[in-house]
Amino acid sequence: MLHPHVHCIVPSGGLTSDGKWQLPKRGNDRFLYPVAALRKVFTAFFLRQMRLSLEAGLLGLPPDFPPTPKAYYQWKEALYQKQWVVYTKKPFQGVNKVVQYLARYSHRVAITNHRLLHIDHQNVHFQYKDYADRALNKVMILSGTDFLKRFCLHILPARFRKIRQFGFLANVCKAKDLASARRAIEGKHAQLLDRAKRKQMAIMRLFKQDLNRCPCCKKGQMHTIDVWLANKDPPDYIHQMAF
């Protein structure tokens, strides 16, 4: 049942050395990198770090660990052949979704109270999702000892942290880099507005019609009040408008 894993939130872009915001060079806002390629890179990096740790004597080895160089090589090659899993989700829809996602892990260990259905002197009854069966909610019953064993697997070892920030969100530089990122993204926003305006002018020249004219009354002029970038929720005032 043990399945060590890491959750990462990756921004769709980043700051260049000259302070500009670089979007993914290929694809679009729904695509950051090919998952198959990331799986190979992650596998190679993880196993390399494991080998270095083994050679440095930093890992406690089980009794059945391969005793000879040949057996170790075969064991390592077998790990490369396994199907390593790198799972990616769709982009978050706004800041609130990011906060909700982080909240599941920043102030919780293993299981929430509402999933504990019944506890007696022998067993613990709790709810879980069976992803092998259409993610249906089911009830599992474990002895108190087995439940505690599973719970303890989720307790972080000494000196480990639940959440860490890297890159422009690292504590050592995030104040400066976040300000640079905001300025750079605002510049990208202005570029998109200018690009949209140029496209609109080209369409007007081609079809000989004013795209800003109201399609209902054919007289009034429509004005751009905001541009919704990819992965950005509509502004609050939009929800108050009647359509």
C-alpha atoms as a PDB file:
ATOM      1  CA  MET A   1       0.000   0.000   0.000  1.00  0.00           C
ATOM      2  CA  LEU A   2       3.011   2.331   0.324  1.00  0.00           C
ATOM      3  CA  HIS A   3       3.220   4.716  -2.635  1.00  0.00           C
ATOM      4  CA  PRO A   4       5.609   7.652  -2.053  1.00  0.00           C
ATOM      5  CA  HIS A   5       4.779  10.565  -4.344  1.00  0.00           C
ATOM      6  CA  VAL A   6       5.290  14.293  -4.758  1.00  0.00           C
ATOM      7  CA  HIS A   7       2.679  16.913  -5.687  1.00  0.00           C
ATOM      8  CA  CYS A   8       3.998  19.894  -7.676  1.00  0.00           C
ATOM      9  CA  ILE A   9       2.280  23.068  -8.846  1.00  0.00           C
ATOM     10  CA  VAL A  10       4.156  24.378 -11.887  1.00  0.00           C
ATOM     11  CA  PRO A  11       3.531  27.860 -13.332  1.00  0.00           C
ATOM     12  CA  SER A  12       2.859  28.042 -17.048  1.00  0.00           C
ATOM     13  CA  GLY A  13       5.982  30.054 -17.731  1.00  0.00           C
ATOM     14  CA  GLY A  14       8.672  31.849 -15.771  1.00  0.00           C
ATOM     15  CA  LEU A  15      11.060  34.774 -15.526  1.00  0.00           C
ATOM     16  CA  THR A  16      14.017  34.975 -17.878  1.00  0.00           C
ATOM     17  CA  SER A  17      17.408  36.294 -16.772  1.00  0.00           C
ATOM     18  CA  ASP A  18      16.490  39.773 -18.069  1.00  0.00           C
ATOM     19  CA  GLY A  19      13.211  39.897 -16.114  1.00  0.00           C
ATOM     20  CA  LYS A  20      10.798  39.051 -18.919  1.00  0.00           C
ATOM     21  CA  TRP A  21       7.971  36.552 -18.618  1.00  0.00           C
ATOM     22  CA  GLN A  22       8.488  33.520 -20.839  1.00  0.00           C
ATOM     23  CA  LEU A  23       5.430  31.504 -21.821  1.00  0.00           C
ATOM     24  CA  PRO A  24       5.809  27.888 -22.997  1.00  0.00           C
ATOM     25  CA  LYS A  25       7.501  27.940 -26.384  1.00  0.00           C
ATOM     26  CA  ARG A  26       5.227  25.250 -27.760  1.00  0.00           C
ATOM     27  CA  GLY A  27       1.583  24.430 -27.362  1.00  0.00           C
ATOM     28  CA  ASN A  28      -0.817  26.727 -25.555  1.00  0.00           C
ATOM     29  CA  ASP A  29      -2.072  27.575 -22.080  1.00  0.00           C
ATOM     30  CA  ARG A  30      -3.326  23.986 -21.616  1.00  0.00           C
ATOM     31  CA  PHE A  31       0.006  22.395 -22.456  1.00  0.00           C
ATOM     32  CA  LEU A  32       3.299  22.870 -20.595  1.00  0.00           C
ATOM     33  CA  TYR A  33       5.324  19.745 -21.392  1.00  0.00           C
ATOM     34  CA  PRO A  34       4.824  16.247 -22.822  1.00  0.00           C
ATOM     35  CA  VAL A  35       4.051  13.831 -19.985  1.00  0.00           C
ATOM     36  CA  ALA A  36       5.872  10.927 -21.646  1.00  0.00           C
ATOM     37  CA  ALA A  37       9.091  12.951 -21.828  1.00  0.00           C
ATOM     38  CA  LEU A  38       8.739  14.137 -18.229  1.00  0.00           C
ATOM     39  CA  ARG A  39       8.302  10.525 -17.091  1.00  0.00           C
ATOM     40  CA  LYS A  40      11.648   9.560 -18.636  1.00  0.00           C
ATOM     41  CA  VAL A  41      13.461  12.566 -17.178  1.00  0.00           C
ATOM     42  CA  PHE A  42      11.992  12.016 -13.702  1.00  0.00           C
ATOM     43  CA  THR A  43      12.841   8.296 -13.762  1.00  0.00           C
ATOM     44  CA  ALA A  44      16.442   8.930 -14.792  1.00  0.00           C
ATOM     45  CA  PHE A  45      16.938  11.721 -12.236  1.00  0.00           C
ATOM     46  CA  PHE A  46      15.383   9.758  -9.363  1.00  0.00           C
ATOM     47  CA  LEU A  47      17.415   6.614 -10.015  1.00  0.00           C
ATOM     48  CA  ARG A  48      20.614   8.613 -10.399  1.00  0.00           C
ATOM     49  CA  GLN A  49      20.080  10.276  -7.031  1.00  0.00           C
ATOM     50  CA  MET A  50      19.292   6.870  -5.525  1.00  0.00           C
ATOM     51  CA  ARG A  51      22.547   5.446  -6.897  1.00  0.00           C
ATOM     52  CA  LEU A  52      24.556   8.359  -5.478  1.00  0.00           C
ATOM     53  CA  SER A  53      22.901   7.881  -2.092  1.00  0.00           C
ATOM     54  CA  LEU A  54      23.668   4.159  -2.169  1.00  0.00           C
ATOM     55  CA  GLU A  55      27.307   4.784  -3.016  1.00  0.00           C
ATOM     56  CA  ALA A  56      27.567   7.342  -0.212  1.00  0.00           C
ATOM     57  CA  GLY A  57      26.070   4.899   2.302  1.00  0.00           C
ATOM     58  CA  LEU A  58      23.123   7.160   3.089  1.00  0.00           C
ATOM     59  CA  LEU A  59      20.409   4.518   2.677  1.00  0.00           C
ATOM     60  CA  GLY A  60      19.497   1.705   5.061  1.00  0.00           C
ATOM     61  CA  LEU A  61      19.399  -1.450   2.955  1.00  0.00           C
ATOM     62  CA  PRO A  62      17.041  -4.413   3.533  1.00  0.00           C
ATOM     63  CA  PRO A  63      18.513  -7.901   4.105  1.00  0.00           C
ATOM     64  CA  ASP A  64      17.519  -9.092   0.621  1.00  0.00           C
ATOM     65  CA  PHE A  65      19.233  -6.215  -1.204  1.00  0.00           C
ATOM     66  CA  PRO A  66      21.300  -7.504  -4.203  1.00  0.00           C
ATOM     67  CA  PRO A  67      24.648  -8.602  -2.677  1.00  0.00           C
ATOM     68  CA  THR A  68      26.825  -8.618  -5.816  1.00  0.00           C
ATOM     69  CA  PRO A  69      27.528  -5.962  -8.482  1.00  0.00           C
ATOM     70  CA  LYS A  70      25.911  -8.129 -11.155  1.00  0.00           C
ATOM     71  CA  ALA A  71      22.742  -8.646  -9.114  1.00  0.00           C
ATOM     72  CA  TYR A  72      22.641  -4.926  -8.307  1.00  0.00           C
ATOM     73  CA  TYR A  73      22.940  -4.051 -12.005  1.00  0.00           C
ATOM     74  CA  GLN A  74      20.072  -6.404 -12.897  1.00  0.00           C
ATOM     75  CA  TRP A  75      17.953  -4.943 -10.102  1.00  0.00           C
ATOM     76  CA  LYS A  76      18.659  -1.386 -11.279  1.00  0.00           C
ATOM     77  CA  GLU A  77      17.859  -2.233 -14.908  1.00  0.00           C
ATOM     78  CA  ALA A  78      14.568  -3.772 -13.772  1.00  0.00           C
ATOM     79  CA  LEU A  79      13.665  -0.444 -12.127  1.00  0.00           C
ATOM     80  CA  TYR A  80      14.247   1.378 -15.417  1.00  0.00           C
ATOM     81  CA  GLN A  81      11.847  -1.011 -17.149  1.00  0.00           C
ATOM     82  CA  LYS A  82       9.009  -0.362 -14.697  1.00  0.00           C
ATOM     83  CA  GLN A  83       6.151   1.933 -15.680  1.00  0.00           C
ATOM     84  CA  TRP A  84       6.874   5.086 -13.675  1.00  0.00           C
ATOM     85  CA  VAL A  85       3.868   7.322 -13.193  1.00  0.00           C
ATOM     86  CA  VAL A  86       3.933  11.074 -13.701  1.00  0.00           C
ATOM     87  CA  TYR A  87       0.365  12.366 -13.547  1.00  0.00           C
ATOM     88  CA  THR A  88      -0.559  15.890 -14.649  1.00  0.00           C
ATOM     89  CA  LYS A  89      -3.849  17.693 -14.127  1.00  0.00           C
ATOM     90  CA  LYS A  90      -5.461  20.499 -16.070  1.00  0.00           C
ATOM     91  CA  PRO A  91      -4.459  24.086 -15.143  1.00  0.00           C
ATOM     92  CA  PHE A  92      -6.107  25.669 -12.118  1.00  0.00           C
ATOM     93  CA  GLN A  93      -8.931  28.086 -12.826  1.00  0.00           C
ATOM     94  CA  GLY A  94      -7.815  31.053 -10.763  1.00  0.00           C
ATOM     95  CA  VAL A  95      -6.087  31.815  -7.477  1.00  0.00           C
ATOM     96  CA  ASN A  96      -8.899  30.480  -5.280  1.00  0.00           C
ATOM     97  CA  LYS A  97      -8.491  27.000  -6.771  1.00  0.00           C
ATOM     98  CA  VAL A  98      -4.772  27.038  -5.980  1.00  0.00           C
ATOM     99  CA  VAL A  99      -5.470  28.010  -2.366  1.00  0.00           C
ATOM    100  CA  GLN A 100      -8.123  25.287  -2.038  1.00  0.00           C
ATOM    101  CA  TYR A 101      -5.713  22.703  -3.398  1.00  0.00           C
ATOM    102  CA  LEU A 102      -2.885  23.701  -1.048  1.00  0.00           C
ATOM    103  CA  ALA A 103      -5.257  23.763   1.915  1.00  0.00           C
ATOM    104  CA  ARG A 104      -5.822  20.017   1.542  1.00  0.00           C
ATOM    105  CA  TYR A 105      -2.194  19.374   2.435  1.00  0.00           C
ATOM    106  CA  SER A 106      -1.002  22.311   4.525  1.00  0.00           C
ATOM    107  CA  HIS A 107      -3.293  21.682   7.523  1.00  0.00           C
ATOM    108  CA  ARG A 108      -4.186  18.011   7.216  1.00  0.00           C
ATOM    109  CA  VAL A 109      -2.480  14.670   7.688  1.00  0.00           C
ATOM    110  CA  ALA A 110      -3.723  11.555   5.861  1.00  0.00           C
ATOM    111  CA  ILE A 111      -7.471  11.763   6.558  1.00  0.00           C
ATOM    112  CA  THR A 112     -10.124  14.300   7.502  1.00  0.00           C
ATOM    113  CA  ASN A 113     -12.450  13.872  10.464  1.00  0.00           C
ATOM    114  CA  HIS A 114     -15.632  13.652   8.364  1.00  0.00           C
ATOM    115  CA  ARG A 115     -14.326  10.447   6.711  1.00  0.00           C
ATOM    116  CA  LEU A 116     -14.158   8.694  10.103  1.00  0.00           C
ATOM    117  CA  LEU A 117     -17.575   7.069  10.362  1.00  0.00           C
ATOM    118  CA  HIS A 118     -17.325   4.904  13.488  1.00  0.00           C
ATOM    119  CA  ILE A 119     -14.687   3.945  16.062  1.00  0.00           C
ATOM    120  CA  ASP A 120     -15.053   1.237  18.703  1.00  0.00           C
ATOM    121  CA  HIS A 121     -12.650  -0.712  20.939  1.00  0.00           C
ATOM    122  CA  GLN A 122     -11.523  -2.934  18.055  1.00  0.00           C
ATOM    123  CA  ASN A 123     -12.005  -1.309  14.650  1.00  0.00           C
ATOM    124  CA  VAL A 124     -12.090   1.954  12.745  1.00  0.00           C
ATOM    125  CA  HIS A 125     -14.706   2.472  10.015  1.00  0.00           C
ATOM    126  CA  PHE A 126     -13.836   5.141   7.475  1.00  0.00           C
ATOM    127  CA  GLN A 127     -14.865   6.268   4.009  1.00  0.00           C
ATOM    128  CA  TYR A 128     -12.583   6.124   0.969  1.00  0.00           C
ATOM    129  CA  LYS A 129     -12.775   6.441  -2.806  1.00  0.00           C
ATOM    130  CA  ASP A 130     -12.188   3.296  -4.826  1.00  0.00           C
ATOM    131  CA  TYR A 131     -10.551   4.679  -7.971  1.00  0.00           C
ATOM    132  CA  ALA A 132     -10.407   1.171  -9.432  1.00  0.00           C
ATOM    133  CA  ASP A 133     -14.199   1.118  -9.344  1.00  0.00           C
ATOM    134  CA  ARG A 134     -15.338   4.430 -10.886  1.00  0.00           C
ATOM    135  CA  ALA A 135     -14.153   6.418  -7.837  1.00  0.00           C
ATOM    136  CA  LEU A 136     -17.130   5.219  -5.812  1.00  0.00           C
ATOM    137  CA  ASN A 137     -17.294   6.079  -2.110  1.00  0.00           C
ATOM    138  CA  LYS A 138     -16.932   2.931  -0.021  1.00  0.00           C
ATOM    139  CA  VAL A 139     -16.376   2.024   3.623  1.00  0.00           C
ATOM    140  CA  MET A 140     -13.263   0.233   4.869  1.00  0.00           C
ATOM    141  CA  ILE A 141     -12.951  -1.411   8.279  1.00  0.00           C
ATOM    142  CA  LEU A 142      -9.503  -1.772   9.828  1.00  0.00           C
ATOM    143  CA  SER A 143      -8.319  -2.798  13.260  1.00  0.00           C
ATOM    144  CA  GLY A 144      -7.047   0.067  15.374  1.00  0.00           C
ATOM    145  CA  THR A 145      -3.459  -1.171  14.998  1.00  0.00           C
ATOM    146  CA  ASP A 146      -3.628  -1.379  11.191  1.00  0.00           C
ATOM    147  CA  PHE A 147      -5.300   2.018  10.976  1.00  0.00           C
ATOM    148  CA  LEU A 148      -2.522   3.604  13.050  1.00  0.00           C
ATOM    149  CA  LYS A 149       0.121   1.914  10.903  1.00  0.00           C
ATOM    150  CA  ARG A 150      -1.353   3.455   7.761  1.00  0.00           C
ATOM    151  CA  PHE A 151      -1.810   6.807   9.440  1.00  0.00           C
ATOM    152  CA  CYS A 152       1.816   6.897  10.563  1.00  0.00           C
ATOM    153  CA  LEU A 153       2.991   6.349   6.978  1.00  0.00           C
ATOM    154  CA  HIS A 154       1.734   9.888   6.274  1.00  0.00           C
ATOM    155  CA  ILE A 155       3.719  11.536   9.091  1.00  0.00           C
ATOM    156  CA  LEU A 156       6.717  13.338   7.655  1.00  0.00           C
ATOM    157  CA  PRO A 157      10.189  12.278   8.819  1.00  0.00           C
ATOM    158  CA  ALA A 158      12.353  14.692  10.784  1.00  0.00           C
ATOM    159  CA  ARG A 159      13.476  17.841   8.890  1.00  0.00           C
ATOM    160  CA  PHE A 160      10.984  17.244   6.071  1.00  0.00           C
ATOM    161  CA  ARG A 161       8.524  19.992   5.147  1.00  0.00           C
ATOM    162  CA  LYS A 162       5.063  19.586   3.689  1.00  0.00           C
ATOM    163  CA  ILE A 163       5.272  22.470   1.240  1.00  0.00           C
ATOM    164  CA  ARG A 164       8.367  24.009  -0.333  1.00  0.00           C
ATOM    165  CA  GLN A 165       8.695  26.849  -2.824  1.00  0.00           C
ATOM    166  CA  PHE A 166      11.297  27.041  -5.570  1.00  0.00           C
ATOM    167  CA  GLY A 167      12.233  29.392  -8.378  1.00  0.00           C
ATOM    168  CA  PHE A 168      10.720  32.871  -8.218  1.00  0.00           C
ATOM    169  CA  LEU A 169       8.610  31.770  -5.213  1.00  0.00           C
ATOM    170  CA  ALA A 170      11.617  30.825  -3.066  1.00  0.00           C
ATOM    171  CA  ASN A 171      11.767  32.827   0.182  1.00  0.00           C
ATOM    172  CA  VAL A 172      15.191  34.255  -0.617  1.00  0.00           C
ATOM    173  CA  CYS A 173      13.987  36.073  -3.739  1.00  0.00           C
ATOM    174  CA  LYS A 174      10.193  35.976  -3.986  1.00  0.00           C
ATOM    175  CA  ALA A 175       9.602  39.619  -2.946  1.00  0.00           C
ATOM    176  CA  LYS A 176      11.735  40.913  -5.825  1.00  0.00           C
ATOM    177  CA  ASP A 177      10.854  38.223  -8.362  1.00  0.00           C
ATOM    178  CA  LEU A 178       7.094  38.383  -7.798  1.00  0.00           C
ATOM    179  CA  ALA A 179       7.169  42.127  -8.455  1.00  0.00           C
ATOM    180  CA  SER A 180       9.148  41.478 -11.641  1.00  0.00           C
ATOM    181  CA  ALA A 181       6.707  38.738 -12.685  1.00  0.00           C
ATOM    182  CA  ARG A 182       3.694  41.027 -12.191  1.00  0.00           C
ATOM    183  CA  ARG A 183       5.295  43.778 -14.282  1.00  0.00           C
ATOM    184  CA  ALA A 184       6.238  41.285 -16.998  1.00  0.00           C
ATOM    185  CA  ILE A 185       2.767  39.717 -17.103  1.00  0.00           C
ATOM    186  CA  GLU A 186       1.162  43.159 -17.324  1.00  0.00           C
ATOM    187  CA  GLY A 187       3.424  43.800 -20.314  1.00  0.00           C
ATOM    188  CA  LYS A 188       2.260  40.545 -21.897  1.00  0.00           C
ATOM    189  CA  HIS A 189      -1.333  41.626 -21.232  1.00  0.00           C
ATOM    190  CA  ALA A 190      -0.725  44.903 -23.073  1.00  0.00           C
ATOM    191  CA  GLN A 191       0.855  42.999 -25.971  1.00  0.00           C
ATOM    192  CA  LEU A 192      -2.213  40.770 -26.232  1.00  0.00           C
ATOM    193  CA  LEU A 193      -4.491  43.812 -26.267  1.00  0.00           C
ATOM    194  CA  ASP A 194      -2.410  45.421 -29.005  1.00  0.00           C
ATOM    195  CA  ARG A 195      -2.345  42.163 -30.991  1.00  0.00           C
ATOM    196  CA  ALA A 196      -6.140  41.855 -30.709  1.00  0.00           C
ATOM    197  CA  LYS A 197      -6.553  45.441 -31.894  1.00  0.00           C
ATOM    198  CA  ARG A 198      -4.323  44.848 -34.932  1.00  0.00           C
ATOM    199  CA  LYS A 199      -6.261  41.687 -35.785  1.00  0.00           C
ATOM    200  CA  GLN A 200      -9.520  43.600 -35.510  1.00  0.00           C
ATOM    201  CA  MET A 201      -8.280  46.340 -37.864  1.00  0.00           C
ATOM    202  CA  ALA A 202      -7.201  43.713 -40.410  1.00  0.00           C
ATOM    203  CA  ILE A 203     -10.650  42.091 -40.335  1.00  0.00           C
ATOM    204  CA  MET A 204     -12.310  45.495 -40.782  1.00  0.00           C
ATOM    205  CA  ARG A 205     -10.179  46.218 -43.856  1.00  0.00           C
ATOM    206  CA  LEU A 206     -10.868  42.763 -45.291  1.00  0.00           C
ATOM    207  CA  PHE A 207     -14.639  42.573 -44.758  1.00  0.00           C
ATOM    208  CA  LYS A 208     -15.415  46.307 -44.890  1.00  0.00           C
ATOM    209  CA  GLN A 209     -17.408  46.314 -41.694  1.00  0.00           C
ATOM    210  CA  ASP A 210     -16.997  47.804 -38.238  1.00  0.00           C
ATOM    211  CA  LEU A 211     -16.586  45.021 -35.684  1.00  0.00           C
ATOM    212  CA  ASN A 212     -17.157  47.457 -32.821  1.00  0.00           C
ATOM    213  CA  ARG A 213     -20.690  48.217 -33.943  1.00  0.00           C
ATOM    214  CA  CYS A 214     -23.386  46.715 -31.744  1.00  0.00           C
ATOM    215  CA  PRO A 215     -24.853  43.649 -33.492  1.00  0.00           C
ATOM    216  CA  CYS A 216     -28.285  44.382 -31.957  1.00  0.00           C
ATOM    217  CA  CYS A 217     -29.034  48.067 -32.594  1.00  0.00           C
ATOM    218  CA  LYS A 218     -26.496  48.468 -35.434  1.00  0.00           C
ATOM    219  CA  LYS A 219     -25.722  51.981 -34.153  1.00  0.00           C
ATOM    220  CA  GLY A 220     -23.869  51.920 -30.831  1.00  0.00           C
ATOM    221  CA  GLN A 221     -20.125  51.317 -30.518  1.00  0.00           C
ATOM    222  CA  MET A 222     -18.812  48.528 -28.258  1.00  0.00           C
ATOM    223  CA  HIS A 223     -15.684  49.157 -26.158  1.00  0.00           C
ATOM    224  CA  THR A 224     -13.270  46.624 -24.641  1.00  0.00           C
ATOM    225  CA  ILE A 225     -13.390  46.777 -20.845  1.00  0.00           C
ATOM    226  CA  ASP A 226     -11.311  43.684 -20.104  1.00  0.00           C
ATOM    227  CA  VAL A 227      -9.526  40.762 -21.745  1.00  0.00           C
ATOM    228  CA  TRP A 228      -9.823  37.328 -20.129  1.00  0.00           C
ATOM    229  CA  LEU A 229      -6.484  35.637 -20.394  1.00  0.00           C
ATOM    230  CA  ALA A 230      -6.152  31.863 -20.341  1.00  0.00           C
ATOM    231  CA  ASN A 231      -6.677  30.324 -16.868  1.00  0.00           C
ATOM    232  CA  LYS A 232      -8.009  33.598 -15.501  1.00  0.00           C
ATOM    233  CA  ASP A 233     -11.437  33.778 -13.867  1.00  0.00           C
ATOM    234  CA  PRO A 234     -13.804  36.543 -15.039  1.00  0.00           C
ATOM    235  CA  PRO A 235     -13.695  39.682 -12.828  1.00  0.00           C
ATOM    236  CA  ASP A 236     -16.213  39.916 -10.001  1.00  0.00           C
ATOM    237  CA  TYR A 237     -18.295  42.618 -11.638  1.00  0.00           C
ATOM    238  CA  ILE A 238     -19.117  40.315 -14.567  1.00  0.00           C
ATOM    239  CA  HIS A 239     -21.161  38.094 -12.260  1.00  0.00           C
ATOM    240  CA  GLN A 240     -23.354  41.085 -11.402  1.00  0.00           C
ATOM    241  CA  MET A 241     -24.202  41.872 -15.041  1.00  0.00           C
ATOM    242  CA  ALA A 242     -27.402  40.663 -16.664  1.00  0.00           C
ATOM    243  CA  PHE A 243     -27.018  38.865 -19.957  1.00  0.00           C
END
